[in-house]
C-alpha atoms as a PDB file:
ATOM      1  CA  MET A   1     123.370  97.628  96.805  1.00  0.00           C
ATOM      2  CA  PRO A   2     124.521 100.859  95.118  1.00  0.00           C
ATOM      3  CA  PHE A   3     127.298 102.876  96.689  1.00  0.00           C
ATOM      4  CA  LEU A   4     125.849 105.763  98.673  1.00  0.00           C
ATOM      5  CA  TYR A   5     127.300 109.200  99.214  1.00  0.00           C
ATOM      6  CA  VAL A   6     126.245 111.501 102.017  1.00  0.00           C
ATOM      7  CA  SER A   7     123.547 113.944 100.911  1.00  0.00           C
ATOM      8  CA  ALA A   8     120.571 115.703 102.497  1.00  0.00           C
ATOM      9  CA  GLY A   9     118.113 113.135 103.822  1.00  0.00           C
ATOM     10  CA  CYS A  10     120.706 110.431 104.498  1.00  0.00           C
ATOM     11  CA  THR A  11     121.278 108.979 107.936  1.00  0.00           C
ATOM     12  CA  VAL A  12     124.976 108.515 108.622  1.00  0.00           C
ATOM     13  CA  GLN A  13     126.818 106.517 111.266  1.00  0.00           C
ATOM     14  CA  LEU A  14     129.972 108.265 112.437  1.00  0.00           C
ATOM     15  CA  VAL A  15     132.699 106.800 114.640  1.00  0.00           C
ATOM     16  CA  SER A  16     134.985 109.178 116.490  1.00  0.00           C
ATOM     17  CA  MET A  17     138.630 108.587 115.596  1.00  0.00           C
ATOM     18  CA  HIS A  18     139.519 109.867 119.076  1.00  0.00           C
ATOM     19  CA  ASP A  19     137.498 107.588 121.357  1.00  0.00           C
ATOM     20  CA  GLU A  20     135.571 105.269 118.970  1.00  0.00           C
ATOM     21  CA  LEU A  21     132.170 106.522 120.125  1.00  0.00           C
ATOM     22  CA  ARG A  22     129.432 105.907 117.531  1.00  0.00           C
ATOM     23  CA  CYS A  23     126.492 108.086 116.640  1.00  0.00           C
ATOM     24  CA  TRP A  24     123.799 108.245 113.971  1.00  0.00           C
ATOM     25  CA  LEU A  25     122.939 111.617 112.417  1.00  0.00           C
ATOM     26  CA  LYS A  26     120.314 112.474 109.824  1.00  0.00           C
ATOM     27  CA  LEU A  27     121.426 115.248 107.474  1.00  0.00           C
ATOM     28  CA  VAL A  28     118.520 117.627 106.840  1.00  0.00           C
ATOM     29  CA  ALA A  29     118.111 120.704 104.661  1.00  0.00           C
ATOM     30  CA  SER A  30     116.318 122.545 107.473  1.00  0.00           C
ATOM     31  CA  ALA A  31     117.987 125.512 109.145  1.00  0.00           C
ATOM     32  CA  ASN A  32     116.353 124.336 112.404  1.00  0.00           C
ATOM     33  CA  PRO A  33     117.202 120.652 112.836  1.00  0.00           C
ATOM     34  CA  ASP A  34     115.715 118.713 115.746  1.00  0.00           C
ATOM     35  CA  LEU A  35     118.833 117.698 117.664  1.00  0.00           C
ATOM     36  CA  SER A  36     116.795 115.451 119.974  1.00  0.00           C
ATOM     37  CA  LYS A  37     116.000 113.308 116.903  1.00  0.00           C
ATOM     38  CA  GLY A  38     119.629 113.205 115.741  1.00  0.00           C
ATOM     39  CA  GLU A  39     119.095 115.704 112.952  1.00  0.00           C
ATOM     40  CA  LEU A  40     122.001 117.799 111.692  1.00  0.00           C
ATOM     41  CA  ALA A  41     121.725 120.783 109.352  1.00  0.00           C
ATOM     42  CA  GLU A  42     123.219 120.143 105.919  1.00  0.00           C
ATOM     43  CA  LEU A  43     124.857 123.598 105.978  1.00  0.00           C
ATOM     44  CA  SER A  44     126.391 123.217 109.454  1.00  0.00           C
ATOM     45  CA  PRO A  45     130.191 122.824 109.534  1.00  0.00           C
ATOM     46  CA  LEU A  46     129.922 119.081 110.217  1.00  0.00           C
ATOM     47  CA  GLY A  47     127.166 118.681 107.627  1.00  0.00           C
ATOM     48  CA  LEU A  48     129.253 120.405 104.951  1.00  0.00           C
ATOM     49  CA  ALA A  49     132.282 118.275 105.865  1.00  0.00           C
ATOM     50  CA  MET A  50     130.221 115.076 105.359  1.00  0.00           C
ATOM     51  CA  LEU A  51     128.566 115.968 102.032  1.00  0.00           C
ATOM     52  CA  GLY A  52     129.716 113.790  99.150  1.00  0.00           C
ATOM     53  CA  LYS A  53     131.676 111.366 101.324  1.00  0.00           C
ATOM     54  CA  GLY A  54     131.172 107.599 101.293  1.00  0.00           C
ATOM     55  CA  ILE A  55     131.526 104.664 103.675  1.00  0.00           C
ATOM     56  CA  GLY A  56     135.097 104.293 104.889  1.00  0.00           C
ATOM     57  CA  GLU A  57     135.966 107.946 104.333  1.00  0.00           C
ATOM     58  CA  GLN A  58     137.119 110.273 107.068  1.00  0.00           C
ATOM     59  CA  VAL A  59     135.368 113.493 107.987  1.00  0.00           C
ATOM     60  CA  LYS A  60     137.719 116.129 109.339  1.00  0.00           C
ATOM     61  CA  LEU A  61     136.444 119.215 111.056  1.00  0.00           C
ATOM     62  CA  ASN A  62     138.927 121.880 112.083  1.00  0.00           C
ATOM     63  CA  ILE A  63     137.589 124.365 114.588  1.00  0.00           C
ATOM     64  CA  PRO A  64     140.115 126.834 116.025  1.00  0.00           C
ATOM     65  CA  GLY A  65     141.986 124.916 118.702  1.00  0.00           C
ATOM     66  CA  ILE A  66     140.157 121.623 118.017  1.00  0.00           C
ATOM     67  CA  ASN A  67     140.586 119.012 115.298  1.00  0.00           C
ATOM     68  CA  ILE A  68     137.764 116.469 115.120  1.00  0.00           C
ATOM     69  CA  HIS A  69     137.975 113.326 112.968  1.00  0.00           C
ATOM     70  CA  PHE A  70     135.217 110.845 112.282  1.00  0.00           C
ATOM     71  CA  LEU A  71     134.974 107.756 110.121  1.00  0.00           C
ATOM     72  CA  ILE A  72     131.790 107.131 108.124  1.00  0.00           C
ATOM     73  CA  THR A  73     130.847 103.496 108.779  1.00  0.00           C
ATOM     74  CA  ASP A  74     127.324 103.332 107.357  1.00  0.00           C
ATOM     75  CA  ILE A  75     124.941 105.395 105.229  1.00  0.00           C
ATOM     76  CA  LEU A  76     121.203 104.844 104.990  1.00  0.00           C
ATOM     77  CA  GLY A  77     119.472 106.505 102.048  1.00  0.00           C
ATOM     78  CA  ASP A  78     116.518 108.844 102.508  1.00  0.00           C
END
């Protein structure tokens, strides 16, 4: 299986480094993602932080007053 990097169309499993909660998000190029379907806009802060990352890499998002860290544990191609 080839090594995958996060790009638009991929579905990514993230694990919170804070509380180990897991979620699946699909990165989409749309400016209006359907959050009820787990879609996340590619150009959102979290989407931009994930782009180009691979399995086992950390995603760090720094919002004023909040630091959020996730670990990418799986990537499904589009």
